[in-house]
Amino acid sequence: LYDALLREECLDGVEVYHHDNPEDVRKELLAVAENRHLMV
């Protein structure tokens, strides 16, 4: 579900800086945001 949601066209941004996101997830989300031009 996580992977599918990150591919959704209706997504405008991702919440990166949150205590439930460990460092590896933050790096992954930042890469997705940069690749898809999403808000952080």
ModelCIF file with pLDDT and N, C-alpha, C, O atoms, coordinates in Angstrom:
data_MODEL
#
_entry.id   MODEL 
#
_entity.id                         1 
_entity.type                       polymer 
_entity.pdbx_number_of_molecules   1 
#
_entity_poly.entity_id                      1 
_entity_poly.type                           'polypeptide(L)' 
_entity_poly.nstd_linkage                   no 
_entity_poly.nstd_monomer                   no 
_entity_poly.pdbx_seq_one_letter_code       LYDALLREECLDGVEVYHHDNPEDVRKELLAVAENRHLMV 
_entity_poly.pdbx_seq_one_letter_code_can   LYDALLREECLDGVEVYHHDNPEDVRKELLAVAENRHLMV 
_entity_poly.pdbx_strand_id                 A 
#
loop_
_entity_poly_seq.entity_id 
_entity_poly_seq.num 
_entity_poly_seq.mon_id 
_entity_poly_seq.hetero 
1 1  LEU n 
1 2  TYR n 
1 3  ASP n 
1 4  ALA n 
1 5  LEU n 
1 6  LEU n 
1 7  ARG n 
1 8  GLU n 
1 9  GLU n 
1 10 CYS n 
1 11 LEU n 
1 12 ASP n 
1 13 GLY n 
1 14 VAL n 
1 15 GLU n 
1 16 VAL n 
1 17 TYR n 
1 18 HIS n 
1 19 HIS n 
1 20 ASP n 
1 21 ASN n 
1 22 PRO n 
1 23 GLU n 
1 24 ASP n 
1 25 VAL n 
1 26 ARG n 
1 27 LYS n 
1 28 GLU n 
1 29 LEU n 
1 30 LEU n 
1 31 ALA n 
1 32 VAL n 
1 33 ALA n 
1 34 GLU n 
1 35 ASN n 
1 36 ARG n 
1 37 HIS n 
1 38 LEU n 
1 39 MET n 
1 40 VAL n 
#
_struct_asym.id          A 
_struct_asym.entity_id   1 
#
loop_
_ma_qa_metric.id 
_ma_qa_metric.mode 
_ma_qa_metric.name 
_ma_qa_metric.software_group_id 
_ma_qa_metric.type 
1 global pLDDT . pLDDT 
2 local  pLDDT . pLDDT 
#
_ma_qa_metric_global.metric_id      1 
_ma_qa_metric_global.metric_value   97.50 
_ma_qa_metric_global.model_id       1 
_ma_qa_metric_global.ordinal_id     1 
#
loop_
_ma_qa_metric_local.label_asym_id 
_ma_qa_metric_local.label_comp_id 
_ma_qa_metric_local.label_seq_id 
_ma_qa_metric_local.metric_id 
_ma_qa_metric_local.metric_value 
_ma_qa_metric_local.model_id 
_ma_qa_metric_local.ordinal_id 
A LEU 1  2 96.00 1 1  
A TYR 2  2 97.00 1 2  
A ASP 3  2 97.00 1 3  
A ALA 4  2 96.00 1 4  
A LEU 5  2 97.00 1 5  
A LEU 6  2 98.00 1 6  
A ARG 7  2 97.00 1 7  
A GLU 8  2 97.00 1 8  
A GLU 9  2 97.00 1 9  
A CYS 10 2 97.00 1 10 
A LEU 11 2 98.00 1 11 
A ASP 12 2 98.00 1 12 
A GLY 13 2 98.00 1 13 
A VAL 14 2 98.00 1 14 
A GLU 15 2 98.00 1 15 
A VAL 16 2 98.00 1 16 
A TYR 17 2 98.00 1 17 
A HIS 18 2 98.00 1 18 
A HIS 19 2 97.00 1 19 
A ASP 20 2 97.00 1 20 
A ASN 21 2 98.00 1 21 
A PRO 22 2 97.00 1 22 
A GLU 23 2 98.00 1 23 
A ASP 24 2 97.00 1 24 
A VAL 25 2 98.00 1 25 
A ARG 26 2 98.00 1 26 
A LYS 27 2 98.00 1 27 
A GLU 28 2 98.00 1 28 
A LEU 29 2 98.00 1 29 
A LEU 30 2 98.00 1 30 
A ALA 31 2 98.00 1 31 
A VAL 32 2 98.00 1 32 
A ALA 33 2 98.00 1 33 
A GLU 34 2 97.00 1 34 
A ASN 35 2 97.00 1 35 
A ARG 36 2 97.00 1 36 
A HIS 37 2 97.00 1 37 
A LEU 38 2 98.00 1 38 
A MET 39 2 97.00 1 39 
A VAL 40 2 98.00 1 40 
#
loop_
_atom_site.group_PDB 
_atom_site.id 
_atom_site.type_symbol 
_atom_site.label_atom_id 
_atom_site.label_alt_id 
_atom_site.label_comp_id 
_atom_site.label_asym_id 
_atom_site.label_entity_id 
_atom_site.label_seq_id 
_atom_site.pdbx_PDB_ins_code 
_atom_site.Cartn_x 
_atom_site.Cartn_y 
_atom_site.Cartn_z 
_atom_site.occupancy 
_atom_site.B_iso_or_equiv 
_atom_site.pdbx_formal_charge 
_atom_site.auth_seq_id 
_atom_site.auth_comp_id 
_atom_site.auth_asym_id 
_atom_site.auth_atom_id 
_atom_site.pdbx_PDB_model_num 
ATOM 1   N N  . LEU A 1 1  ? 0.836  -1.201 0.000   1.00 96.00 ? 1  LEU A N  1 
ATOM 2   C CA . LEU A 1 1  ? 0.000  0.000  0.000   1.00 96.00 ? 1  LEU A CA 1 
ATOM 3   C C  . LEU A 1 1  ? 0.871  1.252  0.000   1.00 96.00 ? 1  LEU A C  1 
ATOM 4   O O  . LEU A 1 1  ? 0.583  2.212  -0.714  1.00 96.00 ? 1  LEU A O  1 
ATOM 5   N N  . TYR A 1 2  ? 1.927  1.241  0.794   1.00 97.00 ? 2  TYR A N  1 
ATOM 6   C CA . TYR A 1 2  ? 2.877  2.360  0.860   1.00 97.00 ? 2  TYR A CA 1 
ATOM 7   C C  . TYR A 1 2  ? 3.444  2.669  -0.528  1.00 97.00 ? 2  TYR A C  1 
ATOM 8   O O  . TYR A 1 2  ? 3.453  3.822  -0.959  1.00 97.00 ? 2  TYR A O  1 
ATOM 9   N N  . ASP A 1 3  ? 3.913  1.642  -1.216  1.00 97.00 ? 3  ASP A N  1 
ATOM 10  C CA . ASP A 1 3  ? 4.492  1.832  -2.546  1.00 97.00 ? 3  ASP A CA 1 
ATOM 11  C C  . ASP A 1 3  ? 3.446  2.351  -3.531  1.00 97.00 ? 3  ASP A C  1 
ATOM 12  O O  . ASP A 1 3  ? 3.728  3.230  -4.345  1.00 97.00 ? 3  ASP A O  1 
ATOM 13  N N  . ALA A 1 4  ? 2.229  1.794  -3.446  1.00 96.00 ? 4  ALA A N  1 
ATOM 14  C CA . ALA A 1 4  ? 1.164  2.199  -4.371  1.00 96.00 ? 4  ALA A CA 1 
ATOM 15  C C  . ALA A 1 4  ? 0.762  3.656  -4.145  1.00 96.00 ? 4  ALA A C  1 
ATOM 16  O O  . ALA A 1 4  ? 0.549  4.395  -5.106  1.00 96.00 ? 4  ALA A O  1 
ATOM 17  N N  . LEU A 1 5  ? 0.657  4.069  -2.893  1.00 97.00 ? 5  LEU A N  1 
ATOM 18  C CA . LEU A 1 5  ? 0.247  5.441  -2.583  1.00 97.00 ? 5  LEU A CA 1 
ATOM 19  C C  . LEU A 1 5  ? 1.278  6.451  -3.080  1.00 97.00 ? 5  LEU A C  1 
ATOM 20  O O  . LEU A 1 5  ? 0.912  7.526  -3.554  1.00 97.00 ? 5  LEU A O  1 
ATOM 21  N N  . LEU A 1 6  ? 2.546  6.116  -2.977  1.00 98.00 ? 6  LEU A N  1 
ATOM 22  C CA . LEU A 1 6  ? 3.599  7.034  -3.430  1.00 98.00 ? 6  LEU A CA 1 
ATOM 23  C C  . LEU A 1 6  ? 3.603  7.200  -4.952  1.00 98.00 ? 6  LEU A C  1 
ATOM 24  O O  . LEU A 1 6  ? 4.224  8.126  -5.474  1.00 98.00 ? 6  LEU A O  1 
ATOM 25  N N  . ARG A 1 7  ? 2.918  6.312  -5.654  1.00 97.00 ? 7  ARG A N  1 
ATOM 26  C CA . ARG A 1 7  ? 2.838  6.416  -7.119  1.00 97.00 ? 7  ARG A CA 1 
ATOM 27  C C  . ARG A 1 7  ? 1.567  7.128  -7.578  1.00 97.00 ? 7  ARG A C  1 
ATOM 28  O O  . ARG A 1 7  ? 1.414  7.412  -8.766  1.00 97.00 ? 7  ARG A O  1 
ATOM 29  N N  . GLU A 1 8  ? 0.658  7.417  -6.654  1.00 97.00 ? 8  GLU A N  1 
ATOM 30  C CA . GLU A 1 8  ? -0.635 7.988  -7.031  1.00 97.00 ? 8  GLU A CA 1 
ATOM 31  C C  . GLU A 1 8  ? -0.495 9.380  -7.660  1.00 97.00 ? 8  GLU A C  1 
ATOM 32  O O  . GLU A 1 8  ? 0.241  10.236 -7.169  1.00 97.00 ? 8  GLU A O  1 
ATOM 33  N N  . GLU A 1 9  ? -1.226 9.573  -8.762  1.00 97.00 ? 9  GLU A N  1 
ATOM 34  C CA . GLU A 1 9  ? -1.153 10.849 -9.483  1.00 97.00 ? 9  GLU A CA 1 
ATOM 35  C C  . GLU A 1 9  ? -1.754 12.004 -8.689  1.00 97.00 ? 9  GLU A C  1 
ATOM 36  O O  . GLU A 1 9  ? -1.335 13.150 -8.851  1.00 97.00 ? 9  GLU A O  1 
ATOM 37  N N  . CYS A 1 10 ? -2.732 11.713 -7.832  1.00 97.00 ? 10 CYS A N  1 
ATOM 38  C CA . CYS A 1 10 ? -3.402 12.800 -7.108  1.00 97.00 ? 10 CYS A CA 1 
ATOM 39  C C  . CYS A 1 10 ? -2.571 13.322 -5.937  1.00 97.00 ? 10 CYS A C  1 
ATOM 40  O O  . CYS A 1 10 ? -2.972 14.279 -5.274  1.00 97.00 ? 10 CYS A O  1 
ATOM 41  N N  . LEU A 1 11 ? -1.431 12.708 -5.678  1.00 98.00 ? 11 LEU A N  1 
ATOM 42  C CA . LEU A 1 11 ? -0.579 13.128 -4.566  1.00 98.00 ? 11 LEU A CA 1 
ATOM 43  C C  . LEU A 1 11 ? 0.173  14.410 -4.923  1.00 98.00 ? 11 LEU A C  1 
ATOM 44  O O  . LEU A 1 11 ? 0.816  14.499 -5.969  1.00 98.00 ? 11 LEU A O  1 
ATOM 45  N N  . ASP A 1 12 ? 0.080  15.401 -4.031  1.00 98.00 ? 12 ASP A N  1 
ATOM 46  C CA . ASP A 1 12 ? 0.799  16.669 -4.233  1.00 98.00 ? 12 ASP A CA 1 
ATOM 47  C C  . ASP A 1 12 ? 2.035  16.787 -3.347  1.00 98.00 ? 12 ASP A C  1 
ATOM 48  O O  . ASP A 1 12 ? 2.909  17.615 -3.601  1.00 98.00 ? 12 ASP A O  1 
ATOM 49  N N  . GLY A 1 13 ? 2.105  15.961 -2.312  1.00 98.00 ? 13 GLY A N  1 
ATOM 50  C CA . GLY A 1 13 ? 3.232  16.078 -1.398  1.00 98.00 ? 13 GLY A CA 1 
ATOM 51  C C  . GLY A 1 13 ? 3.312  14.897 -0.446  1.00 98.00 ? 13 GLY A C  1 
ATOM 52  O O  . GLY A 1 13 ? 2.406  14.067 -0.378  1.00 98.00 ? 13 GLY A O  1 
ATOM 53  N N  . VAL A 1 14 ? 4.425  14.841 0.294   1.00 98.00 ? 14 VAL A N  1 
ATOM 54  C CA . VAL A 1 14 ? 4.648  13.800 1.300   1.00 98.00 ? 14 VAL A CA 1 
ATOM 55  C C  . VAL A 1 14 ? 5.153  14.447 2.582   1.00 98.00 ? 14 VAL A C  1 
ATOM 56  O O  . VAL A 1 14 ? 5.937  15.396 2.551   1.00 98.00 ? 14 VAL A O  1 
ATOM 57  N N  . GLU A 1 15 ? 4.694  13.920 3.699   1.00 98.00 ? 15 GLU A N  1 
ATOM 58  C CA . GLU A 1 15 ? 5.174  14.399 4.997   1.00 98.00 ? 15 GLU A CA 1 
ATOM 59  C C  . GLU A 1 15 ? 6.452  13.627 5.333   1.00 98.00 ? 15 GLU A C  1 
ATOM 60  O O  . GLU A 1 15 ? 6.407  12.441 5.660   1.00 98.00 ? 15 GLU A O  1 
ATOM 61  N N  . VAL A 1 16 ? 7.566  14.305 5.249   1.00 98.00 ? 16 VAL A N  1 
ATOM 62  C CA . VAL A 1 16 ? 8.880  13.678 5.471   1.00 98.00 ? 16 VAL A CA 1 
ATOM 63  C C  . VAL A 1 16 ? 9.302  13.799 6.924   1.00 98.00 ? 16 VAL A C  1 
ATOM 64  O O  . VAL A 1 16 ? 9.740  12.823 7.533   1.00 98.00 ? 16 VAL A O  1 
ATOM 65  N N  . TYR A 1 17 ? 9.171  15.000 7.481   1.00 98.00 ? 17 TYR A N  1 
ATOM 66  C CA . TYR A 1 17 ? 9.720  15.291 8.807   1.00 98.00 ? 17 TYR A CA 1 
ATOM 67  C C  . TYR A 1 17 ? 8.649  15.032 9.881   1.00 98.00 ? 17 TYR A C  1 
ATOM 68  O O  . TYR A 1 17 ? 7.867  15.910 10.246  1.00 98.00 ? 17 TYR A O  1 
ATOM 69  N N  . HIS A 1 18 ? 8.658  13.799 10.355  1.00 98.00 ? 18 HIS A N  1 
ATOM 70  C CA . HIS A 1 18 ? 7.698  13.338 11.366  1.00 98.00 ? 18 HIS A CA 1 
ATOM 71  C C  . HIS A 1 18 ? 8.363  12.219 12.157  1.00 98.00 ? 18 HIS A C  1 
ATOM 72  O O  . HIS A 1 18 ? 9.134  11.435 11.605  1.00 98.00 ? 18 HIS A O  1 
ATOM 73  N N  . HIS A 1 19 ? 8.064  12.148 13.447  1.00 97.00 ? 19 HIS A N  1 
ATOM 74  C CA . HIS A 1 19 ? 8.754  11.177 14.304  1.00 97.00 ? 19 HIS A CA 1 
ATOM 75  C C  . HIS A 1 19 ? 8.452  9.726  13.945  1.00 97.00 ? 19 HIS A C  1 
ATOM 76  O O  . HIS A 1 19 ? 9.174  8.827  14.376  1.00 97.00 ? 19 HIS A O  1 
ATOM 77  N N  . ASP A 1 20 ? 7.391  9.477  13.159  1.00 97.00 ? 20 ASP A N  1 
ATOM 78  C CA . ASP A 1 20 ? 7.091  8.110  12.729  1.00 97.00 ? 20 ASP A CA 1 
ATOM 79  C C  . ASP A 1 20 ? 7.855  7.701  11.475  1.00 97.00 ? 20 ASP A C  1 
ATOM 80  O O  . ASP A 1 20 ? 7.730  6.563  11.023  1.00 97.00 ? 20 ASP A O  1 
ATOM 81  N N  . ASN A 1 21 ? 8.635  8.602  10.912  1.00 98.00 ? 21 ASN A N  1 
ATOM 82  C CA . ASN A 1 21 ? 9.448  8.295  9.736   1.00 98.00 ? 21 ASN A CA 1 
ATOM 83  C C  . ASN A 1 21 ? 10.908 8.122  10.146  1.00 98.00 ? 21 ASN A C  1 
ATOM 84  O O  . ASN A 1 21 ? 11.576 9.111  10.448  1.00 98.00 ? 21 ASN A O  1 
ATOM 85  N N  . PRO A 1 22 ? 11.424 6.887  10.165  1.00 97.00 ? 22 PRO A N  1 
ATOM 86  C CA . PRO A 1 22 ? 12.857 6.709  10.457  1.00 97.00 ? 22 PRO A CA 1 
ATOM 87  C C  . PRO A 1 22 ? 13.721 7.290  9.341   1.00 97.00 ? 22 PRO A C  1 
ATOM 88  O O  . PRO A 1 22 ? 13.216 7.652  8.278   1.00 97.00 ? 22 PRO A O  1 
ATOM 89  N N  . GLU A 1 23 ? 14.987 7.373  9.583   1.00 98.00 ? 23 GLU A N  1 
ATOM 90  C CA . GLU A 1 23 ? 15.898 8.052  8.656   1.00 98.00 ? 23 GLU A CA 1 
ATOM 91  C C  . GLU A 1 23 ? 15.879 7.441  7.259   1.00 98.00 ? 23 GLU A C  1 
ATOM 92  O O  . GLU A 1 23 ? 15.928 8.174  6.272   1.00 98.00 ? 23 GLU A O  1 
ATOM 93  N N  . ASP A 1 24 ? 15.810 6.124  7.156   1.00 97.00 ? 24 ASP A N  1 
ATOM 94  C CA . ASP A 1 24 ? 15.811 5.501  5.830   1.00 97.00 ? 24 ASP A CA 1 
ATOM 95  C C  . ASP A 1 24 ? 14.545 5.849  5.040   1.00 97.00 ? 24 ASP A C  1 
ATOM 96  O O  . ASP A 1 24 ? 14.590 6.026  3.822   1.00 97.00 ? 24 ASP A O  1 
ATOM 97  N N  . VAL A 1 25 ? 13.416 5.945  5.751   1.00 98.00 ? 25 VAL A N  1 
ATOM 98  C CA . VAL A 1 25 ? 12.162 6.326  5.092   1.00 98.00 ? 25 VAL A CA 1 
ATOM 99  C C  . VAL A 1 25 ? 12.219 7.784  4.659   1.00 98.00 ? 25 VAL A C  1 
ATOM 100 O O  . VAL A 1 25 ? 11.736 8.132  3.582   1.00 98.00 ? 25 VAL A O  1 
ATOM 101 N N  . ARG A 1 26 ? 12.806 8.634  5.488   1.00 98.00 ? 26 ARG A N  1 
ATOM 102 C CA . ARG A 1 26 ? 12.925 10.052 5.125   1.00 98.00 ? 26 ARG A CA 1 
ATOM 103 C C  . ARG A 1 26 ? 13.731 10.213 3.832   1.00 98.00 ? 26 ARG A C  1 
ATOM 104 O O  . ARG A 1 26 ? 13.351 10.978 2.946   1.00 98.00 ? 26 ARG A O  1 
ATOM 105 N N  . LYS A 1 27 ? 14.840 9.489  3.735   1.00 98.00 ? 27 LYS A N  1 
ATOM 106 C CA . LYS A 1 27 ? 15.666 9.568  2.523   1.00 98.00 ? 27 LYS A CA 1 
ATOM 107 C C  . LYS A 1 27 ? 14.882 9.079  1.304   1.00 98.00 ? 27 LYS A C  1 
ATOM 108 O O  . LYS A 1 27 ? 14.961 9.666  0.225   1.00 98.00 ? 27 LYS A O  1 
ATOM 109 N N  . GLU A 1 28 ? 14.133 8.007  1.491   1.00 98.00 ? 28 GLU A N  1 
ATOM 110 C CA . GLU A 1 28 ? 13.322 7.451  0.416   1.00 98.00 ? 28 GLU A CA 1 
ATOM 111 C C  . GLU A 1 28 ? 12.250 8.450  -0.026  1.00 98.00 ? 28 GLU A C  1 
ATOM 112 O O  . GLU A 1 28 ? 12.031 8.643  -1.222  1.00 98.00 ? 28 GLU A O  1 
ATOM 113 N N  . LEU A 1 29 ? 11.589 9.079  0.939   1.00 98.00 ? 29 LEU A N  1 
ATOM 114 C CA . LEU A 1 29 ? 10.531 10.044 0.625   1.00 98.00 ? 29 LEU A CA 1 
ATOM 115 C C  . LEU A 1 29 ? 11.088 11.286 -0.054  1.00 98.00 ? 29 LEU A C  1 
ATOM 116 O O  . LEU A 1 29 ? 10.470 11.817 -0.977  1.00 98.00 ? 29 LEU A O  1 
ATOM 117 N N  . LEU A 1 30 ? 12.242 11.750 0.391   1.00 98.00 ? 30 LEU A N  1 
ATOM 118 C CA . LEU A 1 30 ? 12.868 12.915 -0.253  1.00 98.00 ? 30 LEU A CA 1 
ATOM 119 C C  . LEU A 1 30 ? 13.216 12.620 -1.699  1.00 98.00 ? 30 LEU A C  1 
ATOM 120 O O  . LEU A 1 30 ? 13.080 13.486 -2.563  1.00 98.00 ? 30 LEU A O  1 
ATOM 121 N N  . ALA A 1 31 ? 13.669 11.394 -1.968  1.00 98.00 ? 31 ALA A N  1 
ATOM 122 C CA . ALA A 1 31 ? 13.995 11.001 -3.343  1.00 98.00 ? 31 ALA A CA 1 
ATOM 123 C C  . ALA A 1 31 ? 12.726 10.969 -4.200  1.00 98.00 ? 31 ALA A C  1 
ATOM 124 O O  . ALA A 1 31 ? 12.738 11.417 -5.347  1.00 98.00 ? 31 ALA A O  1 
ATOM 125 N N  . VAL A 1 32 ? 11.632 10.438 -3.643  1.00 98.00 ? 32 VAL A N  1 
ATOM 126 C CA . VAL A 1 32 ? 10.360 10.404 -4.370  1.00 98.00 ? 32 VAL A CA 1 
ATOM 127 C C  . VAL A 1 32 ? 9.876  11.830 -4.646  1.00 98.00 ? 32 VAL A C  1 
ATOM 128 O O  . VAL A 1 32 ? 9.427  12.142 -5.749  1.00 98.00 ? 32 VAL A O  1 
ATOM 129 N N  . ALA A 1 33 ? 9.973  12.687 -3.631  1.00 98.00 ? 33 ALA A N  1 
ATOM 130 C CA . ALA A 1 33 ? 9.525  14.075 -3.780  1.00 98.00 ? 33 ALA A CA 1 
ATOM 131 C C  . ALA A 1 33 ? 10.321 14.800 -4.848  1.00 98.00 ? 33 ALA A C  1 
ATOM 132 O O  . ALA A 1 33 ? 9.763  15.553 -5.646  1.00 98.00 ? 33 ALA A O  1 
ATOM 133 N N  . GLU A 1 34 ? 11.622 14.574 -4.862  1.00 97.00 ? 34 GLU A N  1 
ATOM 134 C CA . GLU A 1 34 ? 12.464 15.232 -5.872  1.00 97.00 ? 34 GLU A CA 1 
ATOM 135 C C  . GLU A 1 34 ? 12.142 14.702 -7.262  1.00 97.00 ? 34 GLU A C  1 
ATOM 136 O O  . GLU A 1 34 ? 12.051 15.476 -8.215  1.00 97.00 ? 34 GLU A O  1 
ATOM 137 N N  . ASN A 1 35 ? 11.970 13.402 -7.384  1.00 97.00 ? 35 ASN A N  1 
ATOM 138 C CA . ASN A 1 35 ? 11.702 12.784 -8.681  1.00 97.00 ? 35 ASN A CA 1 
ATOM 139 C C  . ASN A 1 35 ? 10.344 13.201 -9.246  1.00 97.00 ? 35 ASN A C  1 
ATOM 140 O O  . ASN A 1 35 ? 10.193 13.399 -10.451 1.00 97.00 ? 35 ASN A O  1 
ATOM 141 N N  . ARG A 1 36 ? 9.355  13.333 -8.349  1.00 97.00 ? 36 ARG A N  1 
ATOM 142 C CA . ARG A 1 36 ? 7.995  13.642 -8.794  1.00 97.00 ? 36 ARG A CA 1 
ATOM 143 C C  . ARG A 1 36 ? 7.626  15.114 -8.604  1.00 97.00 ? 36 ARG A C  1 
ATOM 144 O O  . ARG A 1 36 ? 6.497  15.512 -8.892  1.00 97.00 ? 36 ARG A O  1 
ATOM 145 N N  . HIS A 1 37 ? 8.555  15.909 -8.128  1.00 97.00 ? 37 HIS A N  1 
ATOM 146 C CA . HIS A 1 37 ? 8.319  17.344 -7.881  1.00 97.00 ? 37 HIS A CA 1 
ATOM 147 C C  . HIS A 1 37 ? 7.162  17.554 -6.907  1.00 97.00 ? 37 HIS A C  1 
ATOM 148 O O  . HIS A 1 37 ? 6.267  18.362 -7.156  1.00 97.00 ? 37 HIS A O  1 
ATOM 149 N N  . LEU A 1 38 ? 7.191  16.816 -5.793  1.00 98.00 ? 38 LEU A N  1 
ATOM 150 C CA . LEU A 1 38 ? 6.165  16.907 -4.769  1.00 98.00 ? 38 LEU A CA 1 
ATOM 151 C C  . LEU A 1 38 ? 6.576  17.867 -3.662  1.00 98.00 ? 38 LEU A C  1 
ATOM 152 O O  . LEU A 1 38 ? 7.765  18.089 -3.430  1.00 98.00 ? 38 LEU A O  1 
ATOM 153 N N  . MET A 1 39 ? 5.576  18.441 -2.974  1.00 97.00 ? 39 MET A N  1 
ATOM 154 C CA . MET A 1 39 ? 5.838  19.249 -1.794  1.00 97.00 ? 39 MET A CA 1 
ATOM 155 C C  . MET A 1 39 ? 6.379  18.359 -0.684  1.00 97.00 ? 39 MET A C  1 
ATOM 156 O O  . MET A 1 39 ? 6.073  17.168 -0.619  1.00 97.00 ? 39 MET A O  1 
ATOM 157 N N  . VAL A 1 40 ? 7.177  18.946 0.177   1.00 98.00 ? 40 VAL A N  1 
ATOM 158 C CA . VAL A 1 40 ? 7.681  18.256 1.361   1.00 98.00 ? 40 VAL A CA 1 
ATOM 159 C C  . VAL A 1 40 ? 7.161  18.997 2.588   1.00 98.00 ? 40 VAL A C  1 
ATOM 160 O O  . VAL A 1 40 ? 7.453  18.603 3.717   1.00 98.00 ? 40 VAL A O  1 
#
